Amino acid sequence: MLEDELSFLCPYCSAKVSMNVDLTGGRHQSFDYDCDQCCRPIVIRLETDDTGVTNFSVEQES
């Protein structure tokens, strides 16, 4: 499995979040991830190419 590491700040509590992303999941991915600190749901959207994650955004779940 091809993976890339993604690091960002939680949009709720500002804790640093690090996670591995499966690059075989498609060029455009969107999924929810619960913050390790505050356990609130974060929506993650990302784009990938052959070299890894090229663009991503995180936001509070609405």
N, C-alpha and C. Protein backbone atom coordinates (compact mmCIF):
# COMPACT_ATOMS: atom_id res chain seq x y z
N MET A 1 0.85 -1.18 0.00
CA MET A 1 0.00 0.00 0.00
C MET A 1 0.89 1.24 0.00
N LEU A 2 0.54 2.19 -0.83
CA LEU A 2 1.27 3.45 -0.88
C LEU A 2 0.62 4.43 0.08
N GLU A 3 1.44 5.07 0.90
CA GLU A 3 0.93 6.01 1.89
C GLU A 3 1.74 7.29 1.88
N ASP A 4 1.13 8.36 2.37
CA ASP A 4 1.79 9.64 2.57
C ASP A 4 1.33 10.16 3.93
N GLU A 5 2.19 10.89 4.62
CA GLU A 5 1.82 11.43 5.93
C GLU A 5 1.24 12.82 5.77
N LEU A 6 0.16 13.07 6.50
CA LEU A 6 -0.53 14.35 6.46
C LEU A 6 -0.52 14.91 7.88
N SER A 7 -0.13 16.17 8.04
CA SER A 7 -0.14 16.83 9.35
C SER A 7 -0.90 18.14 9.23
N PHE A 8 -1.73 18.43 10.23
CA PHE A 8 -2.55 19.64 10.23
C PHE A 8 -3.01 19.93 11.65
N LEU A 9 -3.61 21.09 11.86
CA LEU A 9 -4.17 21.45 13.16
C LEU A 9 -5.67 21.18 13.16
N CYS A 10 -6.15 20.61 14.25
CA CYS A 10 -7.58 20.34 14.39
C CYS A 10 -8.34 21.66 14.32
N PRO A 11 -9.40 21.74 13.51
CA PRO A 11 -10.16 22.98 13.40
C PRO A 11 -11.01 23.30 14.65
N TYR A 12 -11.09 22.38 15.59
CA TYR A 12 -11.82 22.61 16.84
C TYR A 12 -10.90 23.04 17.97
N CYS A 13 -9.89 22.20 18.27
CA CYS A 13 -9.06 22.43 19.46
C CYS A 13 -7.63 22.85 19.14
N SER A 14 -7.27 22.92 17.87
CA SER A 14 -5.94 23.32 17.39
C SER A 14 -4.82 22.36 17.76
N ALA A 15 -5.16 21.13 18.15
CA ALA A 15 -4.14 20.12 18.41
C ALA A 15 -3.52 19.68 17.09
N LYS A 16 -2.24 19.35 17.11
CA LYS A 16 -1.58 18.85 15.90
C LYS A 16 -2.03 17.41 15.65
N VAL A 17 -2.48 17.16 14.44
CA VAL A 17 -2.95 15.84 14.04
C VAL A 17 -2.04 15.33 12.93
N SER A 18 -1.57 14.10 13.05
CA SER A 18 -0.77 13.45 12.02
C SER A 18 -1.44 12.13 11.68
N MET A 19 -1.51 11.85 10.40
CA MET A 19 -2.13 10.61 9.97
C MET A 19 -1.52 10.16 8.65
N ASN A 20 -1.62 8.88 8.36
CA ASN A 20 -1.19 8.35 7.08
C ASN A 20 -2.38 8.27 6.15
N VAL A 21 -2.17 8.63 4.89
CA VAL A 21 -3.22 8.63 3.89
C VAL A 21 -2.91 7.56 2.85
N ASP A 22 -3.90 6.75 2.51
CA ASP A 22 -3.77 5.71 1.50
C ASP A 22 -3.84 6.36 0.12
N LEU A 23 -2.74 6.37 -0.60
CA LEU A 23 -2.68 7.01 -1.91
C LEU A 23 -3.38 6.18 -3.00
N THR A 24 -3.71 4.94 -2.71
CA THR A 24 -4.40 4.10 -3.69
C THR A 24 -5.91 4.31 -3.64
N GLY A 25 -6.38 5.22 -2.78
CA GLY A 25 -7.81 5.47 -2.63
C GLY A 25 -8.39 6.39 -3.68
N GLY A 26 -7.61 6.81 -4.66
CA GLY A 26 -8.10 7.67 -5.73
C GLY A 26 -7.45 9.04 -5.70
N ARG A 27 -7.55 9.74 -6.81
CA ARG A 27 -6.94 11.08 -6.95
C ARG A 27 -7.65 12.12 -6.10
N HIS A 28 -8.96 11.96 -5.91
CA HIS A 28 -9.75 12.88 -5.10
C HIS A 28 -10.41 12.07 -3.99
N GLN A 29 -10.09 12.42 -2.75
CA GLN A 29 -10.64 11.68 -1.62
C GLN A 29 -11.30 12.65 -0.64
N SER A 30 -12.31 12.16 0.06
CA SER A 30 -12.98 12.93 1.10
C SER A 30 -13.41 11.94 2.18
N PHE A 31 -13.07 12.24 3.43
CA PHE A 31 -13.44 11.34 4.51
C PHE A 31 -13.45 12.10 5.84
N ASP A 32 -14.04 11.48 6.85
CA ASP A 32 -14.08 12.03 8.21
C ASP A 32 -13.00 11.36 9.05
N TYR A 33 -12.45 12.13 9.97
CA TYR A 33 -11.41 11.62 10.88
C TYR A 33 -11.66 12.27 12.24
N ASP A 34 -11.70 11.49 13.31
CA ASP A 34 -11.90 12.03 14.65
C ASP A 34 -10.58 12.48 15.25
N CYS A 35 -10.55 13.71 15.76
CA CYS A 35 -9.35 14.25 16.40
C CYS A 35 -8.95 13.36 17.57
N ASP A 36 -7.66 13.09 17.68
CA ASP A 36 -7.15 12.26 18.77
C ASP A 36 -7.29 12.94 20.13
N GLN A 37 -7.35 14.26 20.16
CA GLN A 37 -7.43 15.00 21.42
C GLN A 37 -8.87 15.28 21.86
N CYS A 38 -9.67 15.88 20.98
CA CYS A 38 -11.02 16.29 21.39
C CYS A 38 -12.11 15.36 20.85
N CYS A 39 -11.74 14.41 20.00
CA CYS A 39 -12.65 13.38 19.45
C CYS A 39 -13.76 13.93 18.57
N ARG A 40 -13.64 15.16 18.11
CA ARG A 40 -14.66 15.73 17.23
C ARG A 40 -14.34 15.39 15.78
N PRO A 41 -15.37 15.27 14.93
CA PRO A 41 -15.16 14.84 13.54
C PRO A 41 -14.62 15.95 12.66
N ILE A 42 -13.58 15.63 11.92
CA ILE A 42 -12.93 16.55 10.98
C ILE A 42 -13.17 16.02 9.57
N VAL A 43 -13.61 16.89 8.66
CA VAL A 43 -13.77 16.52 7.26
C VAL A 43 -12.46 16.82 6.55
N ILE A 44 -11.90 15.82 5.89
CA ILE A 44 -10.64 15.97 5.16
C ILE A 44 -10.91 15.72 3.69
N ARG A 45 -10.47 16.66 2.87
CA ARG A 45 -10.56 16.52 1.41
C ARG A 45 -9.14 16.63 0.87
N LEU A 46 -8.78 15.72 -0.03
CA LEU A 46 -7.41 15.79 -0.56
C LEU A 46 -7.34 15.35 -2.00
N GLU A 47 -6.28 15.81 -2.64
CA GLU A 47 -5.95 15.42 -4.01
C GLU A 47 -4.56 14.81 -4.00
N THR A 48 -4.36 13.79 -4.82
CA THR A 48 -3.07 13.12 -4.89
C THR A 48 -2.61 13.00 -6.34
N ASP A 49 -1.31 12.76 -6.49
CA ASP A 49 -0.75 12.36 -7.78
C ASP A 49 0.26 11.25 -7.51
N ASP A 50 1.09 10.94 -8.46
CA ASP A 50 2.04 9.83 -8.31
C ASP A 50 3.10 10.09 -7.23
N THR A 51 3.27 11.35 -6.82
CA THR A 51 4.29 11.68 -5.82
C THR A 51 3.74 11.78 -4.41
N GLY A 52 2.41 11.83 -4.25
CA GLY A 52 1.82 11.93 -2.92
C GLY A 52 0.67 12.92 -2.90
N VAL A 53 0.38 13.46 -1.71
CA VAL A 53 -0.70 14.43 -1.54
C VAL A 53 -0.25 15.76 -2.13
N THR A 54 -1.05 16.33 -3.02
CA THR A 54 -0.70 17.60 -3.66
C THR A 54 -1.48 18.77 -3.08
N ASN A 55 -2.66 18.50 -2.51
CA ASN A 55 -3.51 19.55 -1.97
C ASN A 55 -4.48 18.92 -0.98
N PHE A 56 -4.73 19.61 0.15
CA PHE A 56 -5.72 19.10 1.07
C PHE A 56 -6.35 20.24 1.87
N SER A 57 -7.53 19.97 2.41
CA SER A 57 -8.19 20.94 3.28
C SER A 57 -8.85 20.17 4.43
N VAL A 58 -8.97 20.83 5.56
CA VAL A 58 -9.65 20.26 6.73
C VAL A 58 -10.66 21.27 7.23
N GLU A 59 -11.79 20.78 7.72
CA GLU A 59 -12.82 21.68 8.24
C GLU A 59 -13.69 20.94 9.25
N GLN A 60 -14.41 21.72 10.04
CA GLN A 60 -15.34 21.15 10.98
C GLN A 60 -16.48 20.48 10.22
N GLU A 61 -16.96 19.36 10.76
CA GLU A 61 -18.10 18.70 10.14
C GLU A 61 -19.34 19.55 10.39
N SER A 62 -20.15 19.74 9.35
CA SER A 62 -21.34 20.58 9.51
C SER A 62 -22.57 19.76 9.83
